[in-house]
Amino acid sequence: MKKLNFKDIRIRKVDPSELDDTMLLVNLYATQAITLIVGICIVFFQSQKWSDLIRFPEKLSAWGCAAVFAAAVLAFDWLIARWVPEDVTDDGGVNQKLFGRRPLWHIAVISLVVAICEELLFRGAIQHAFGPYWTSILFAAIHIRYLRHWLMTGMVFAISYGLGKLYVLTGSLWAPIAAHFLIDFVMGCIIRYRRDEVDGER
């Protein structure tokens, strides 16, 4: 029987352009499924009440806070895109590959799945144990593609911390879910339709 030689194993950085679209989506949805399962398991062992966790906000102001927060993040992102060089905000082309040719309905689905799965794990489960600050450090750390750039890492941390405070302020997990969805959906649409404009100019 041939022995496995661990010295022969090589880890290399994968260029997003090398990724097949199907594999990209499989990786995305598999990652989110794992995120959801881990979140559910942590909540279960914390003995939180699911009825409290998934209860919709009692006041409309919670949805308003989510919309205002999302708008503030999008406005700040627009300023960064306008004044900061592209290499500082480069994520390796992952977002372009993910949203660049995606139909509108699929951008919405991806944004909703990511918002629900990540907010359940980070705000619903991890923040319950460690608070918004340490949760946000972990949230920023898992967004590996941004770690090369301090500005983007800081922005991811700030967004996560804001989502954590939004959860505390409203008392509803649906507020950060709504904000997270709006941010990802609008940014995904910008990437998608900006590409159409660039292609049309050629």
C-alpha atoms as a PDB file:
ATOM      1  CA  MET A   1       0.000   0.000   0.000  1.00  0.00           C
ATOM      2  CA  LYS A   2       1.383   3.380  -1.048  1.00  0.00           C
ATOM      3  CA  LYS A   3       1.938   5.801   1.809  1.00  0.00           C
ATOM      4  CA  LEU A   4       0.761   9.376   1.603  1.00  0.00           C
ATOM      5  CA  ASN A   5       3.697  11.751   1.567  1.00  0.00           C
ATOM      6  CA  PHE A   6       2.590  15.046   3.085  1.00  0.00           C
ATOM      7  CA  LYS A   7       5.682  16.763   1.659  1.00  0.00           C
ATOM      8  CA  ASP A   8       4.211  16.287  -1.805  1.00  0.00           C
ATOM      9  CA  ILE A   9       1.120  18.293  -0.921  1.00  0.00           C
ATOM     10  CA  ARG A  10       1.299  21.815  -2.266  1.00  0.00           C
ATOM     11  CA  ILE A  11      -1.065  24.662  -1.440  1.00  0.00           C
ATOM     12  CA  ARG A  12      -1.281  27.389  -4.028  1.00  0.00           C
ATOM     13  CA  LYS A  13      -3.297  30.526  -4.444  1.00  0.00           C
ATOM     14  CA  VAL A  14      -6.142  30.028  -6.905  1.00  0.00           C
ATOM     15  CA  ASP A  15      -6.825  32.750  -9.438  1.00  0.00           C
ATOM     16  CA  PRO A  16     -10.608  33.448  -9.523  1.00  0.00           C
ATOM     17  CA  SER A  17     -10.450  33.374 -13.327  1.00  0.00           C
ATOM     18  CA  GLU A  18      -9.491  29.699 -13.070  1.00  0.00           C
ATOM     19  CA  LEU A  19     -12.680  28.862 -11.160  1.00  0.00           C
ATOM     20  CA  ASP A  20     -15.528  27.303 -13.071  1.00  0.00           C
ATOM     21  CA  ASP A  21     -18.832  29.101 -12.372  1.00  0.00           C
ATOM     22  CA  THR A  22     -20.481  25.884 -11.205  1.00  0.00           C
ATOM     23  CA  MET A  23     -17.669  25.166  -8.753  1.00  0.00           C
ATOM     24  CA  LEU A  24     -17.801  28.737  -7.484  1.00  0.00           C
ATOM     25  CA  LEU A  25     -21.517  28.394  -6.713  1.00  0.00           C
ATOM     26  CA  VAL A  26     -21.075  24.921  -5.207  1.00  0.00           C
ATOM     27  CA  ASN A  27     -18.351  26.311  -2.940  1.00  0.00           C
ATOM     28  CA  LEU A  28     -20.500  29.314  -1.984  1.00  0.00           C
ATOM     29  CA  TYR A  29     -23.624  27.348  -1.103  1.00  0.00           C
ATOM     30  CA  ALA A  30     -21.670  24.555   0.634  1.00  0.00           C
ATOM     31  CA  THR A  31     -19.878  27.139   2.771  1.00  0.00           C
ATOM     32  CA  GLN A  32     -23.163  28.812   3.683  1.00  0.00           C
ATOM     33  CA  ALA A  33     -24.752  25.448   4.524  1.00  0.00           C
ATOM     34  CA  ILE A  34     -21.862  24.702   6.896  1.00  0.00           C
ATOM     35  CA  THR A  35     -22.189  28.193   8.379  1.00  0.00           C
ATOM     36  CA  LEU A  36     -25.909  27.630   8.984  1.00  0.00           C
ATOM     37  CA  ILE A  37     -25.398  24.192  10.558  1.00  0.00           C
ATOM     38  CA  VAL A  38     -22.625  25.450  12.857  1.00  0.00           C
ATOM     39  CA  GLY A  39     -24.803  28.413  13.860  1.00  0.00           C
ATOM     40  CA  ILE A  40     -27.772  26.170  14.650  1.00  0.00           C
ATOM     41  CA  CYS A  41     -25.571  23.813  16.703  1.00  0.00           C
ATOM     42  CA  ILE A  42     -24.066  26.668  18.732  1.00  0.00           C
ATOM     43  CA  VAL A  43     -27.498  28.178  19.413  1.00  0.00           C
ATOM     44  CA  PHE A  44     -28.758  24.743  20.482  1.00  0.00           C
ATOM     45  CA  PHE A  45     -25.934  24.259  22.987  1.00  0.00           C
ATOM     46  CA  GLN A  46     -26.411  27.806  24.291  1.00  0.00           C
ATOM     47  CA  SER A  47     -30.007  26.877  25.102  1.00  0.00           C
ATOM     48  CA  GLN A  48     -31.331  30.042  23.519  1.00  0.00           C
ATOM     49  CA  LYS A  49     -35.036  30.206  22.776  1.00  0.00           C
ATOM     50  CA  TRP A  50     -35.587  29.893  19.047  1.00  0.00           C
ATOM     51  CA  SER A  51     -38.873  31.749  19.377  1.00  0.00           C
ATOM     52  CA  ASP A  52     -36.984  34.803  20.672  1.00  0.00           C
ATOM     53  CA  LEU A  53     -34.195  34.468  18.128  1.00  0.00           C
ATOM     54  CA  ILE A  54     -36.371  34.287  15.023  1.00  0.00           C
ATOM     55  CA  ARG A  55     -39.142  36.625  16.165  1.00  0.00           C
ATOM     56  CA  PHE A  56     -39.822  39.479  13.758  1.00  0.00           C
ATOM     57  CA  PRO A  57     -39.334  43.018  15.106  1.00  0.00           C
ATOM     58  CA  GLU A  58     -42.327  44.393  16.954  1.00  0.00           C
ATOM     59  CA  LYS A  59     -41.622  47.942  15.787  1.00  0.00           C
ATOM     60  CA  LEU A  60     -41.218  49.201  12.234  1.00  0.00           C
ATOM     61  CA  SER A  61     -38.319  51.326  13.448  1.00  0.00           C
ATOM     62  CA  ALA A  62     -36.130  48.189  13.464  1.00  0.00           C
ATOM     63  CA  TRP A  63     -36.526  47.879   9.697  1.00  0.00           C
ATOM     64  CA  GLY A  64     -35.850  51.605   9.364  1.00  0.00           C
ATOM     65  CA  CYS A  65     -32.628  51.276  11.372  1.00  0.00           C
ATOM     66  CA  ALA A  66     -31.563  48.401   9.121  1.00  0.00           C
ATOM     67  CA  ALA A  67     -32.225  50.465   5.995  1.00  0.00           C
ATOM     68  CA  VAL A  68     -30.381  53.522   7.365  1.00  0.00           C
ATOM     69  CA  PHE A  69     -27.375  51.419   8.361  1.00  0.00           C
ATOM     70  CA  ALA A  70     -27.266  49.733   4.944  1.00  0.00           C
ATOM     71  CA  ALA A  71     -27.523  53.119   3.210  1.00  0.00           C
ATOM     72  CA  ALA A  72     -24.643  54.487   5.316  1.00  0.00           C
ATOM     73  CA  VAL A  73     -22.435  51.496   4.454  1.00  0.00           C
ATOM     74  CA  LEU A  74     -23.259  51.802   0.741  1.00  0.00           C
ATOM     75  CA  ALA A  75     -22.542  55.546   0.778  1.00  0.00           C
ATOM     76  CA  PHE A  76     -19.181  54.961   2.459  1.00  0.00           C
ATOM     77  CA  ASP A  77     -18.369  52.203  -0.034  1.00  0.00           C
ATOM     78  CA  TRP A  78     -19.212  54.600  -2.881  1.00  0.00           C
ATOM     79  CA  LEU A  79     -16.793  57.177  -1.450  1.00  0.00           C
ATOM     80  CA  ILE A  80     -14.070  54.554  -1.179  1.00  0.00           C
ATOM     81  CA  ALA A  81     -14.668  53.412  -4.766  1.00  0.00           C
ATOM     82  CA  ARG A  82     -14.511  57.021  -5.933  1.00  0.00           C
ATOM     83  CA  TRP A  83     -11.405  58.204  -4.075  1.00  0.00           C
ATOM     84  CA  VAL A  84      -9.335  55.120  -3.237  1.00  0.00           C
ATOM     85  CA  PRO A  85      -7.189  53.295  -5.853  1.00  0.00           C
ATOM     86  CA  GLU A  86      -8.648  49.985  -7.064  1.00  0.00           C
ATOM     87  CA  ASP A  87      -5.654  47.940  -5.909  1.00  0.00           C
ATOM     88  CA  VAL A  88      -6.437  48.936  -2.305  1.00  0.00           C
ATOM     89  CA  THR A  89      -9.960  47.490  -2.545  1.00  0.00           C
ATOM     90  CA  ASP A  90      -9.015  44.467  -4.676  1.00  0.00           C
ATOM     91  CA  ASP A  91     -10.552  41.202  -3.463  1.00  0.00           C
ATOM     92  CA  GLY A  92      -8.822  39.075  -6.079  1.00  0.00           C
ATOM     93  CA  GLY A  93     -11.753  39.275  -8.480  1.00  0.00           C
ATOM     94  CA  VAL A  94     -14.050  37.058  -6.396  1.00  0.00           C
ATOM     95  CA  ASN A  95     -16.993  39.476  -6.277  1.00  0.00           C
ATOM     96  CA  GLN A  96     -16.683  40.205  -9.993  1.00  0.00           C
ATOM     97  CA  LYS A  97     -16.661  36.481 -10.742  1.00  0.00           C
ATOM     98  CA  LEU A  98     -19.614  35.880  -8.433  1.00  0.00           C
ATOM     99  CA  PHE A  99     -21.901  38.730  -9.514  1.00  0.00           C
ATOM    100  CA  GLY A 100     -20.532  39.927 -12.867  1.00  0.00           C
ATOM    101  CA  ARG A 101     -22.884  37.911 -15.096  1.00  0.00           C
ATOM    102  CA  ARG A 102     -25.458  36.777 -12.541  1.00  0.00           C
ATOM    103  CA  PRO A 103     -29.176  37.410 -13.201  1.00  0.00           C
ATOM    104  CA  LEU A 104     -30.928  39.781 -10.797  1.00  0.00           C
ATOM    105  CA  TRP A 105     -32.993  37.051  -9.117  1.00  0.00           C
ATOM    106  CA  HIS A 106     -29.859  35.010  -8.407  1.00  0.00           C
ATOM    107  CA  ILE A 107     -28.071  38.019  -6.900  1.00  0.00           C
ATOM    108  CA  ALA A 108     -31.077  38.371  -4.577  1.00  0.00           C
ATOM    109  CA  VAL A 109     -30.984  34.659  -3.659  1.00  0.00           C
ATOM    110  CA  ILE A 110     -27.246  34.702  -2.952  1.00  0.00           C
ATOM    111  CA  SER A 111     -27.580  37.871  -0.865  1.00  0.00           C
ATOM    112  CA  LEU A 112     -30.470  36.437   1.156  1.00  0.00           C
ATOM    113  CA  VAL A 113     -28.781  33.075   1.779  1.00  0.00           C
ATOM    114  CA  VAL A 114     -25.525  34.720   2.875  1.00  0.00           C
ATOM    115  CA  ALA A 115     -27.354  37.241   5.087  1.00  0.00           C
ATOM    116  CA  ILE A 116     -29.413  34.604   6.899  1.00  0.00           C
ATOM    117  CA  CYS A 117     -26.615  32.053   7.353  1.00  0.00           C
ATOM    118  CA  GLU A 118     -23.886  34.485   8.421  1.00  0.00           C
ATOM    119  CA  GLU A 119     -26.092  36.550  10.714  1.00  0.00           C
ATOM    120  CA  LEU A 120     -27.446  33.459  12.456  1.00  0.00           C
ATOM    121  CA  LEU A 121     -23.903  32.274  13.154  1.00  0.00           C
ATOM    122  CA  PHE A 122     -22.217  35.575  13.987  1.00  0.00           C
ATOM    123  CA  ARG A 123     -24.957  37.719  15.514  1.00  0.00           C
ATOM    124  CA  GLY A 124     -27.324  34.996  16.730  1.00  0.00           C
ATOM    125  CA  ALA A 125     -24.763  32.524  18.104  1.00  0.00           C
ATOM    126  CA  ILE A 126     -21.201  33.862  18.457  1.00  0.00           C
ATOM    127  CA  GLN A 127     -22.155  37.375  19.593  1.00  0.00           C
ATOM    128  CA  HIS A 128     -24.351  35.852  22.287  1.00  0.00           C
ATOM    129  CA  ALA A 129     -21.186  34.380  23.814  1.00  0.00           C
ATOM    130  CA  PHE A 130     -18.456  36.925  23.020  1.00  0.00           C
ATOM    131  CA  GLY A 131     -20.147  40.252  22.270  1.00  0.00           C
ATOM    132  CA  PRO A 132     -19.972  42.380  19.109  1.00  0.00           C
ATOM    133  CA  TYR A 133     -16.268  43.328  19.316  1.00  0.00           C
ATOM    134  CA  TRP A 134     -14.697  39.853  19.314  1.00  0.00           C
ATOM    135  CA  THR A 135     -17.386  38.587  16.974  1.00  0.00           C
ATOM    136  CA  SER A 136     -16.416  41.301  14.499  1.00  0.00           C
ATOM    137  CA  ILE A 137     -12.727  40.385  14.701  1.00  0.00           C
ATOM    138  CA  LEU A 138     -13.650  36.807  13.811  1.00  0.00           C
ATOM    139  CA  PHE A 139     -16.018  38.015  11.067  1.00  0.00           C
ATOM    140  CA  ALA A 140     -13.232  40.105   9.514  1.00  0.00           C
ATOM    141  CA  ALA A 141     -10.756  37.221   9.807  1.00  0.00           C
ATOM    142  CA  ILE A 142     -12.912  34.794   7.811  1.00  0.00           C
ATOM    143  CA  HIS A 143     -13.134  37.254   4.921  1.00  0.00           C
ATOM    144  CA  ILE A 144      -9.670  36.127   3.862  1.00  0.00           C
ATOM    145  CA  ARG A 145      -9.732  37.825   0.474  1.00  0.00           C
ATOM    146  CA  TYR A 146      -9.701  41.245   2.177  1.00  0.00           C
ATOM    147  CA  LEU A 147      -6.927  40.578   4.703  1.00  0.00           C
ATOM    148  CA  ARG A 148      -4.198  41.844   2.366  1.00  0.00           C
ATOM    149  CA  HIS A 149      -5.660  45.356   2.574  1.00  0.00           C
ATOM    150  CA  TRP A 150      -6.003  47.068   5.954  1.00  0.00           C
ATOM    151  CA  LEU A 151      -8.703  49.439   4.675  1.00  0.00           C
ATOM    152  CA  MET A 152     -11.029  46.654   3.518  1.00  0.00           C
ATOM    153  CA  THR A 153     -10.338  44.566   6.612  1.00  0.00           C
ATOM    154  CA  GLY A 154     -11.190  47.578   8.757  1.00  0.00           C
ATOM    155  CA  MET A 155     -14.363  48.192   6.774  1.00  0.00           C
ATOM    156  CA  VAL A 156     -15.493  44.566   7.152  1.00  0.00           C
ATOM    157  CA  PHE A 157     -14.831  44.816  10.901  1.00  0.00           C
ATOM    158  CA  ALA A 158     -16.777  48.098  11.138  1.00  0.00           C
ATOM    159  CA  ILE A 159     -19.738  46.683   9.184  1.00  0.00           C
ATOM    160  CA  SER A 160     -19.813  43.609  11.408  1.00  0.00           C
ATOM    161  CA  TYR A 161     -19.612  45.725  14.566  1.00  0.00           C
ATOM    162  CA  GLY A 162     -22.412  47.919  13.259  1.00  0.00           C
ATOM    163  CA  LEU A 163     -24.550  44.866  12.528  1.00  0.00           C
ATOM    164  CA  GLY A 164     -23.858  43.645  16.060  1.00  0.00           C
ATOM    165  CA  LYS A 165     -24.920  46.965  17.560  1.00  0.00           C
ATOM    166  CA  LEU A 166     -28.001  46.942  15.311  1.00  0.00           C
ATOM    167  CA  TYR A 167     -28.924  43.554  16.778  1.00  0.00           C
ATOM    168  CA  VAL A 168     -28.488  44.867  20.313  1.00  0.00           C
ATOM    169  CA  LEU A 169     -30.435  48.063  19.560  1.00  0.00           C
ATOM    170  CA  THR A 170     -33.429  46.399  17.898  1.00  0.00           C
ATOM    171  CA  GLY A 171     -33.432  43.116  19.802  1.00  0.00           C
ATOM    172  CA  SER A 172     -34.206  41.307  16.559  1.00  0.00           C
ATOM    173  CA  LEU A 173     -31.921  39.165  14.409  1.00  0.00           C
ATOM    174  CA  TRP A 174     -33.981  40.196  11.367  1.00  0.00           C
ATOM    175  CA  ALA A 175     -32.649  43.761  11.506  1.00  0.00           C
ATOM    176  CA  PRO A 176     -28.994  42.787  10.821  1.00  0.00           C
ATOM    177  CA  ILE A 177     -30.212  40.170   8.327  1.00  0.00           C
ATOM    178  CA  ALA A 178     -32.137  42.859   6.429  1.00  0.00           C
ATOM    179  CA  ALA A 179     -29.181  45.268   6.500  1.00  0.00           C
ATOM    180  CA  HIS A 180     -26.739  42.547   5.416  1.00  0.00           C
ATOM    181  CA  PHE A 181     -29.060  41.556   2.567  1.00  0.00           C
ATOM    182  CA  LEU A 182     -29.449  45.148   1.332  1.00  0.00           C
ATOM    183  CA  ILE A 183     -25.703  45.766   1.388  1.00  0.00           C
ATOM    184  CA  ASP A 184     -24.841  42.571  -0.521  1.00  0.00           C
ATOM    185  CA  PHE A 185     -27.741  42.907  -2.962  1.00  0.00           C
ATOM    186  CA  VAL A 186     -27.038  46.527  -3.916  1.00  0.00           C
ATOM    187  CA  MET A 187     -23.293  45.915  -4.204  1.00  0.00           C
ATOM    188  CA  GLY A 188     -23.960  42.805  -6.285  1.00  0.00           C
ATOM    189  CA  CYS A 189     -26.245  44.795  -8.596  1.00  0.00           C
ATOM    190  CA  ILE A 190     -23.628  47.544  -8.938  1.00  0.00           C
ATOM    191  CA  ILE A 191     -21.001  44.978  -9.964  1.00  0.00           C
ATOM    192  CA  ARG A 192     -23.444  43.299 -12.346  1.00  0.00           C
ATOM    193  CA  TYR A 193     -24.735  46.377 -14.157  1.00  0.00           C
ATOM    194  CA  ARG A 194     -21.472  48.296 -14.088  1.00  0.00           C
ATOM    195  CA  ARG A 195     -20.048  45.441 -16.115  1.00  0.00           C
ATOM    196  CA  ASP A 196     -22.862  45.842 -18.656  1.00  0.00           C
ATOM    197  CA  GLU A 197     -22.002  49.549 -19.018  1.00  0.00           C
ATOM    198  CA  VAL A 198     -18.316  48.771 -19.533  1.00  0.00           C
ATOM    199  CA  ASP A 199     -19.114  46.094 -22.112  1.00  0.00           C
ATOM    200  CA  GLY A 200     -21.470  48.496 -23.899  1.00  0.00           C
ATOM    201  CA  GLU A 201     -18.722  51.109 -24.239  1.00  0.00           C
ATOM    202  CA  ARG A 202     -16.445  48.710 -26.075  1.00  0.00           C
END
